[in-house]
Structure formats: structure tokens, C-alpha cells
């Protein structure tokens, strides 16, 4: 049974969620308040505001290509959605435990005064355009990052799991802007406690805690390990049981940059149209050559039959009984 403390907490969270969701239609005094670090919208939907101490922000000017880098106070906007069989972070499954190839995860930036009304508006926007892929609903926004992350999923006891998601760097999507490492002391990480019973997942706890371990160093590979990685037999992104360290710069479309499959994929991207054009051209040439051959064979056969008829008339008729030539429907036959 649920404890009285947990029941009280759920009731408070439910009341808070209802007051937030009505901010778009029926404003109330809480709508102007900044959102909490952890906001429970429903038992299966939670929003987290993770302050980012190293994240530059973007001030857009006109078209998307015109922008300037700023350094405003900001937080990373995380939304967690629970389904019966998966836990999603910003629409990307992070449980069941991740494996290679790792998913690419994008996280938006919000200003500190991102209010309950802003959250309600974002949720309403996302609900209305759920089937659209290019729908950006986080406003006000200070940018977004494709992130590098350290991910750990460990089973702590029967059916219980602890997931630690540490955002360690990122790219803001502009090609000329540098990669940013999030290394400042005091940076927080996302910690989740879940149960998985008979394929049904429940979220027990979600919290932001200060990073207590150092960022995982980049592994230096020997020549042999580089060869092994090139052919896809081993990858240093796997640091231990349930532990992945993913650098967003090193993965494209689910393939490790610099491996055999990466180069095959790029070759297919660049050369496939050329291969198609050449194949069509060679096919047409082959058909043309084949048609010429058929015509020449037909002419040769026609010419041969004419010679046989002529010789048959000149020589074969006199010796019809001797040579055995008879005139058939299609010419001379034995």
C-alpha cells in the first residue's frame, strides 16, 4: 500500500499540475511563477529544469543563420515521459538500458524565469502538433544542444534500477560554432529511480544532484584498438556494465564516425546517384547492342535462306531424287 506521505505528495503534485495546465485558459496566481526544478505534470509526465553553468546561449537575428553567441543564465529543459515499456527523455528512449549505437538527444535551453504559463503553452503546442516533426514548442527559448552524455543504468535490487544521465557537452547546431564542454564544478546531473515489473515501468523518484564524479576522460586507443574499432568489433564508448560515454561529434545517423560502415554510408550517399545514372546508361547501351545483334542475325538468316533457295533451283531440282531436296512451305528442306 502507498504510505500517507507518498499519497500526500501525489495529491500536491496533482493539484499543482492542474493549476499549471489551466494557465492557458484560466489564469491563476501560480501561472506567473517560475517552474520548479522538478514539475510533475501527471504520473507519466515530468519536467525537469537543469541549470547549465557552461552553456552559451544564442541570440537569433532574423533568419536562423544570423545569430550571436551570448552568455545568459539558462537551464536545460528535460521532459520525461513514461510508457508501459519505456522511459523517454525528450522523446528518446533511455530505458530499457541503452546500447550501441547510442541515440542522439537534443535538449532546449530556457531562461530562469520560464514560468508555469510558459510551460502550459509549450505543452498545449506540443499536443496540437504531435504528428509534426518540425514543431518547436519551447518558448521563450535560448537555443538548443545536441548533447554528449555519460549514461549509467544499474540494477540496484530486484526489479529496481538507477539511471544517471550526465550532460557533459554539446553542439548548438550552427556549423561554425565550437563544441562546448560542461565542466564547471557544481553542474548537476539527472538521477532516476524506477521499477520494472513484468514489463511495466514505474518512476519512483527523479532528482537533480550535484556532479560528484569527474568527467570521464577520453580514452586513448592503441593502433590495434583503432583497427578493431574501424571494423566495428569494439567501441570505447562502452566504459563498463550499463555505462556509455557518448560524444555527439563522433556519431552520425547511428554510425561511429571513422569506421568502415561510416565510409560505406558516405560513399553510398555521394555515389548512389552517379551509380544509378551509369547503370541506366549502360543498360540502354546494352539494349542497343542487343537490338543490333538481333537485326544482324535476322538479316544473316534471311540471306542464307535466299542462297539456299537459289542453289536449290539451280542444282537441287535436277537431282531432287538423288539429293533428297524437297520444297517445303518455308523453303527448301531435306
Protein backbone atom coordinates (compact mmCIF):
# COMPACT_ATOMS: atom_id res chain seq x y z
CA UNK A 1 0.00 0.00 0.00
CA UNK A 2 1.06 3.59 -0.52
CA UNK A 3 2.30 5.45 2.53
CA UNK A 4 0.42 8.52 3.73
CA UNK A 5 3.46 10.67 2.89
CA UNK A 6 3.54 9.43 -0.71
CA UNK A 7 -0.22 9.86 -1.07
CA UNK A 8 0.07 13.45 0.17
CA UNK A 9 2.93 14.14 -2.24
CA UNK A 10 0.93 12.75 -5.17
CA UNK A 11 -2.10 14.86 -4.26
CA UNK A 12 0.03 18.01 -4.05
CA UNK A 13 1.67 17.20 -7.40
CA UNK A 14 -1.73 16.56 -9.00
CA UNK A 15 -3.10 19.86 -7.70
CA UNK A 16 -0.02 21.74 -8.93
CA UNK A 17 -0.24 20.10 -12.36
CA UNK A 18 -3.91 21.02 -12.73
CA UNK A 19 -3.21 24.64 -11.84
CA UNK A 20 -0.37 24.76 -14.38
CA UNK A 21 -2.32 23.20 -17.24
CA UNK A 22 -5.17 25.68 -16.81
CA UNK A 23 -2.83 28.67 -17.16
CA UNK A 24 -3.61 28.91 -20.88
CA UNK A 25 -7.36 29.12 -20.29
CA UNK A 26 -7.97 30.15 -16.68
CA UNK A 27 -5.06 32.13 -15.26
CA UNK A 28 -4.33 31.79 -11.55
CA UNK A 29 -1.72 33.32 -9.21
CA UNK A 30 0.76 30.46 -9.75
CA UNK A 31 0.93 30.98 -13.52
CA UNK A 32 3.49 33.79 -13.24
CA UNK A 33 5.82 31.75 -11.00
CA UNK A 34 8.97 30.20 -12.49
CA UNK A 35 8.71 26.44 -12.85
CA UNK A 36 10.31 24.27 -10.19
CA UNK A 37 13.40 22.19 -10.84
CA UNK A 38 11.10 19.16 -10.93
CA UNK A 39 7.48 19.59 -12.04
CA UNK A 40 5.08 16.63 -12.07
CA UNK A 41 2.50 17.17 -14.78
CA UNK A 42 0.98 13.70 -14.45
CA UNK A 43 2.08 10.30 -13.11
CA UNK A 44 3.62 9.60 -16.53
CA UNK A 45 4.93 13.06 -17.45
CA UNK A 46 7.56 15.04 -15.54
CA UNK A 47 9.52 18.16 -16.48
CA UNK A 48 12.97 18.98 -15.11
CA UNK A 49 14.84 22.28 -15.28
CA UNK A 50 18.57 21.58 -15.09
CA UNK A 51 20.71 24.73 -14.65
CA UNK A 52 23.61 24.70 -17.12
CA UNK A 53 26.67 26.53 -15.84
CA UNK A 54 28.74 26.30 -19.03
CA UNK A 55 26.14 26.59 -21.77
CA UNK A 56 26.49 29.60 -24.07
CA UNK A 57 23.19 30.88 -25.39
CA UNK A 58 22.11 32.07 -28.82
CA UNK A 59 20.57 35.39 -29.75
CA UNK A 60 18.96 34.94 -33.15
CA UNK A 61 18.80 37.87 -35.57
CA UNK A 62 16.43 37.44 -38.45
CA UNK A 63 16.99 34.20 -40.39
CA UNK A 64 18.33 31.20 -38.50
CA UNK A 65 21.80 31.63 -39.98
CA UNK A 66 22.18 35.05 -38.36
CA UNK A 67 22.91 34.82 -34.65
CA UNK A 68 25.34 35.80 -31.95
CA UNK A 69 26.68 33.83 -29.01
CA UNK A 70 25.66 35.22 -25.63
CA UNK A 71 26.20 34.04 -22.07
CA UNK A 72 22.86 34.42 -20.38
CA UNK A 73 21.82 32.42 -17.37
CA UNK A 74 19.94 29.39 -18.66
CA UNK A 75 18.73 25.90 -17.90
CA UNK A 76 18.32 22.73 -19.94
CA UNK A 77 14.70 21.71 -20.44
CA UNK A 78 14.16 17.99 -19.88
CA UNK A 79 10.83 16.25 -20.27
CA UNK A 80 10.38 12.67 -19.13
CA UNK A 81 7.55 10.54 -20.43
CA UNK A 82 6.72 7.12 -19.03
CA UNK A 83 5.09 4.42 -21.16
CA UNK A 84 4.34 0.87 -20.02
CA UNK A 85 7.51 -0.40 -21.72
CA UNK A 86 9.88 2.58 -21.97
CA UNK A 87 11.09 5.75 -20.28
CA UNK A 88 11.62 8.62 -22.72
CA UNK A 89 13.84 11.67 -22.32
CA UNK A 90 12.83 14.37 -24.79
CA UNK A 91 11.03 11.69 -26.83
CA UNK A 92 14.12 9.41 -26.90
CA UNK A 93 14.02 6.07 -25.00
CA UNK A 94 16.62 5.90 -22.21
CA UNK A 95 15.18 2.76 -20.62
CA UNK A 96 15.39 -0.21 -21.26
CA UNK A 97 19.15 0.34 -20.86
CA UNK A 98 20.89 1.95 -23.80
CA UNK A 99 23.29 0.07 -26.02
CA UNK A 100 25.23 0.86 -29.17
CA UNK A 101 24.52 2.64 -31.41
CA UNK A 102 23.54 5.36 -28.95
CA UNK A 103 20.65 7.73 -29.66
CA UNK A 104 21.22 11.39 -30.43
CA UNK A 105 19.44 13.57 -27.90
CA UNK A 106 18.51 17.23 -28.35
CA UNK A 107 17.79 19.47 -25.38
CA UNK A 108 16.39 23.01 -25.45
CA UNK A 109 17.55 25.93 -23.31
CA UNK A 110 15.19 28.10 -21.32
CA UNK A 111 15.69 31.29 -19.30
CA UNK A 112 15.41 31.07 -15.49
CA UNK A 113 12.09 32.95 -15.41
CA UNK A 114 10.45 30.27 -17.59
CA UNK A 115 7.03 30.35 -15.95
CA UNK A 116 4.23 27.89 -15.34
CA UNK A 117 2.26 29.69 -18.05
CA UNK A 118 5.16 29.23 -20.49
CA UNK A 119 5.17 25.54 -19.61
CA UNK A 120 1.42 25.23 -20.12
CA UNK A 121 1.70 26.97 -23.51
CA UNK A 122 4.54 24.64 -24.55
CA UNK A 123 2.55 21.56 -23.54
CA UNK A 124 -0.53 22.77 -25.43
CA UNK A 125 1.61 23.47 -28.51
CA UNK A 126 3.22 20.02 -28.40
CA UNK A 127 -0.16 18.37 -28.00
CA UNK A 128 -1.61 20.17 -31.01
CA UNK A 129 1.31 19.33 -33.31
CA UNK A 130 2.11 15.86 -32.02
CA UNK A 131 2.25 14.43 -35.56
CA UNK A 132 4.61 17.09 -36.92
CA UNK A 133 8.37 16.60 -36.90
CA UNK A 134 9.49 20.22 -37.23
CA UNK A 135 7.42 21.58 -34.39
CA UNK A 136 9.33 23.75 -31.89
CA UNK A 137 7.20 24.47 -28.85
CA UNK A 138 9.63 25.71 -26.18
CA UNK A 139 9.17 29.46 -25.87
CA UNK A 140 10.84 31.57 -24.67
CA UNK A 141 13.97 29.73 -25.79
CA UNK A 142 17.69 30.50 -25.65
CA UNK A 143 18.82 27.81 -28.07
CA UNK A 144 19.25 24.05 -28.10
CA UNK A 145 22.04 21.48 -27.98
CA UNK A 146 22.72 18.10 -29.44
CA UNK A 147 24.37 16.75 -26.31
CA UNK A 148 27.21 14.47 -25.32
CA UNK A 149 26.40 12.46 -22.24
CA UNK A 150 27.55 9.93 -19.69
CA UNK A 151 24.80 7.37 -19.16
CA UNK A 152 24.63 4.73 -16.46
CA UNK A 153 21.84 2.21 -15.87
CA UNK A 154 22.42 -0.17 -12.96
CA UNK A 155 20.13 -2.68 -11.32
CA UNK A 156 20.23 -1.90 -7.59
CA UNK A 157 17.94 -4.73 -6.45
CA UNK A 158 15.19 -6.97 -7.75
CA UNK A 159 13.27 -5.03 -10.41
CA UNK A 160 14.78 -1.69 -9.33
CA UNK A 161 17.06 0.44 -11.49
CA UNK A 162 19.03 3.64 -11.03
CA UNK A 163 19.68 5.74 -14.13
CA UNK A 164 22.22 8.58 -14.06
CA UNK A 165 22.22 10.95 -17.04
CA UNK A 166 25.09 13.46 -17.01
CA UNK A 167 25.22 16.02 -19.84
CA UNK A 168 28.92 16.62 -20.48
CA UNK A 169 28.95 18.80 -23.61
CA UNK A 170 27.19 19.70 -26.81
CA UNK A 171 26.85 21.38 -30.19
CA UNK A 172 24.31 24.14 -30.77
CA UNK A 173 23.61 23.18 -34.39
CA UNK A 174 25.49 26.05 -36.06
CA UNK A 175 28.40 24.67 -38.10
CA UNK A 176 30.81 27.49 -37.31
CA UNK A 177 30.21 27.41 -33.54
CA UNK A 178 32.56 25.34 -31.38
CA UNK A 179 31.84 22.28 -29.28
CA UNK A 180 31.25 23.18 -25.63
CA UNK A 181 32.26 21.03 -22.65
CA UNK A 182 30.17 21.36 -19.49
CA UNK A 183 32.92 21.05 -16.91
CA UNK A 184 32.18 23.63 -14.21
CA UNK A 185 32.07 22.42 -10.60
CA UNK A 186 28.55 22.32 -9.25
CA UNK A 187 26.98 21.16 -12.50
CA UNK A 188 24.00 18.94 -11.71
CA UNK A 189 23.06 15.58 -13.19
CA UNK A 190 19.73 13.81 -13.60
CA UNK A 191 19.14 10.76 -11.38
CA UNK A 192 16.12 8.49 -11.83
CA UNK A 193 14.85 5.60 -9.75
CA UNK A 194 12.49 3.19 -11.50
CA UNK A 195 10.99 -0.26 -11.10
CA UNK A 196 10.45 -2.69 -13.94
CA UNK A 197 8.00 -5.43 -13.04
CA UNK A 198 6.83 -7.83 -15.73
CA UNK A 199 7.49 -5.25 -18.43
CA UNK A 200 5.64 -2.45 -16.61
CA UNK A 201 7.81 0.54 -15.68
CA UNK A 202 7.12 2.88 -12.78
CA UNK A 203 9.00 6.06 -11.93
CA UNK A 204 9.80 6.08 -8.21
CA UNK A 205 11.96 9.19 -7.92
CA UNK A 206 13.53 11.90 -10.02
CA UNK A 207 16.07 14.40 -8.75
CA UNK A 208 18.89 16.69 -9.77
CA UNK A 209 22.09 16.15 -7.79
CA UNK A 210 25.47 17.82 -7.97
CA UNK A 211 28.03 16.01 -10.07
CA UNK A 212 30.33 14.19 -7.66
CA UNK A 213 32.50 12.27 -10.11
CA UNK A 214 34.94 13.74 -12.58
CA UNK A 215 34.01 13.80 -16.23
CA UNK A 216 35.05 10.54 -17.90
CA UNK A 217 38.32 11.14 -19.77
CA UNK A 218 38.61 10.42 -23.45
CA UNK A 219 40.14 7.01 -23.98
CA UNK A 220 43.36 6.84 -25.97
CA UNK A 221 43.33 3.91 -28.36
CA UNK A 222 46.26 1.81 -29.50
CA UNK A 223 46.75 1.04 -33.16
CA UNK A 224 45.20 -2.39 -32.64
CA UNK A 225 42.12 -0.96 -30.90
CA UNK A 226 41.71 1.58 -33.71
CA UNK A 227 41.76 -1.25 -36.24
CA UNK A 228 39.24 -3.22 -34.19
CA UNK A 229 37.00 -0.17 -33.88
CA UNK A 230 37.28 0.57 -37.61
CA UNK A 231 35.70 -2.80 -38.39
CA UNK A 232 33.07 -2.34 -35.66
CA UNK A 233 34.16 -5.15 -33.32
CA UNK A 234 34.66 -2.94 -30.25
CA UNK A 235 33.89 0.62 -29.21
CA UNK A 236 35.37 2.66 -26.37
CA UNK A 237 32.01 4.35 -25.80
CA UNK A 238 31.25 1.32 -23.62
CA UNK A 239 33.03 2.04 -20.33
CA UNK A 240 31.58 -0.77 -18.25
CA UNK A 241 28.37 -2.68 -17.48
CA UNK A 242 25.48 -0.33 -18.19
CA UNK A 243 27.81 2.65 -18.73
CA UNK A 244 28.11 4.57 -22.00
CA UNK A 245 30.01 7.78 -22.72
CA UNK A 246 28.71 9.33 -25.93
CA UNK A 247 30.39 12.22 -27.74
CA UNK A 248 27.89 13.83 -30.10
CA UNK A 249 30.71 14.66 -32.54
CA UNK A 250 31.63 11.01 -33.00
CA UNK A 251 28.27 9.63 -34.16
CA UNK A 252 26.21 10.35 -37.27
CA UNK A 253 22.93 8.62 -38.08
CA UNK A 254 23.69 5.86 -35.60
CA UNK A 255 27.14 5.10 -37.06
CA UNK A 256 30.52 5.78 -35.44
CA UNK A 257 32.49 8.36 -37.44
CA UNK A 258 35.65 6.92 -38.98
CA UNK A 259 34.52 3.29 -39.14
CA UNK A 260 34.10 1.10 -42.21
CA UNK A 261 30.31 1.41 -42.19
CA UNK A 262 30.60 5.19 -41.92
CA UNK A 263 32.70 5.41 -45.09
CA UNK A 264 30.43 2.94 -46.89
CA UNK A 265 27.42 5.06 -45.96
CA UNK A 266 29.06 8.27 -47.13
CA UNK A 267 30.13 6.64 -50.39
CA UNK A 268 26.56 5.49 -50.95
CA UNK A 269 25.24 8.98 -50.21
CA UNK A 270 27.62 10.65 -52.68
CA UNK A 271 27.90 7.98 -55.38
CA UNK A 272 24.48 6.36 -55.44
CA UNK A 273 23.02 8.93 -57.92
CA UNK A 274 26.10 8.50 -60.13
CA UNK A 275 25.83 4.70 -59.97
CA UNK A 276 22.14 4.90 -60.91
CA UNK A 277 22.84 7.15 -63.91
CA UNK A 278 25.73 4.96 -65.12
CA UNK A 279 23.65 1.79 -64.66
CA UNK A 280 20.78 3.24 -66.69
CA UNK A 281 23.20 4.40 -69.41
CA UNK A 282 24.92 1.00 -69.61
CA UNK A 283 21.54 -0.70 -69.68
CA UNK A 284 20.45 1.43 -72.64
CA UNK A 285 23.76 0.74 -74.42
CA UNK A 286 23.29 -2.98 -73.79
CA UNK A 287 19.78 -2.90 -75.25
CA UNK A 288 21.05 -1.02 -78.30
CA UNK A 289 23.86 -3.55 -78.87
CA UNK A 290 21.42 -6.43 -78.39
CA UNK A 291 19.00 -4.95 -80.91
CA UNK A 292 21.84 -4.56 -83.44
CA UNK A 293 22.83 -8.18 -82.90
CA UNK A 294 19.27 -9.41 -83.37
CA UNK A 295 18.93 -7.41 -86.60
CA UNK A 296 22.20 -8.76 -87.99
CA UNK A 297 21.29 -12.33 -87.11
CA UNK A 298 17.89 -11.86 -88.75
CA UNK A 299 19.50 -10.45 -91.89
CA UNK A 300 22.07 -13.25 -91.96
CA UNK A 301 19.38 -15.90 -91.64
CA UNK A 302 17.29 -14.23 -94.32
CA UNK A 303 20.30 -14.02 -96.65
CA UNK A 304 21.22 -17.66 -96.04
CA UNK A 305 17.76 -18.88 -96.93
CA UNK A 306 17.87 -16.88 -100.15
CA UNK A 307 21.14 -18.55 -101.16
CA UNK A 308 19.73 -21.98 -100.38
CA UNK A 309 16.66 -21.31 -102.50
CA UNK A 310 18.77 -20.09 -105.36
CA UNK A 311 21.08 -23.07 -105.29
CA UNK A 312 18.17 -25.38 -104.92
CA UNK A 313 16.60 -24.04 -108.04
CA UNK A 314 19.83 -24.20 -109.99
CA UNK A 315 21.11 -27.58 -108.85
CA UNK A 316 18.80 -29.27 -106.46
CA UNK A 317 15.80 -29.59 -108.74
CA UNK A 318 17.68 -31.67 -111.33
CA UNK A 319 18.89 -34.06 -108.68
CA UNK A 320 15.85 -33.99 -106.49
CA UNK A 321 15.65 -37.77 -106.23
CA UNK A 322 19.42 -38.07 -105.66
CA UNK A 323 19.97 -35.29 -103.13
CA UNK A 324 16.67 -35.62 -101.37
CA UNK A 325 15.68 -31.95 -101.59
CA UNK A 326 12.02 -31.23 -101.43
CA UNK A 327 10.31 -27.89 -101.49
CA UNK A 328 8.59 -27.19 -98.20
CA UNK A 329 6.28 -24.43 -97.05
CA UNK A 330 9.14 -22.30 -95.71
CA UNK A 331 11.75 -23.10 -98.33
CA UNK A 332 13.97 -25.97 -99.09
CA UNK A 333 14.04 -28.89 -96.68
CA UNK A 334 15.61 -32.30 -96.52
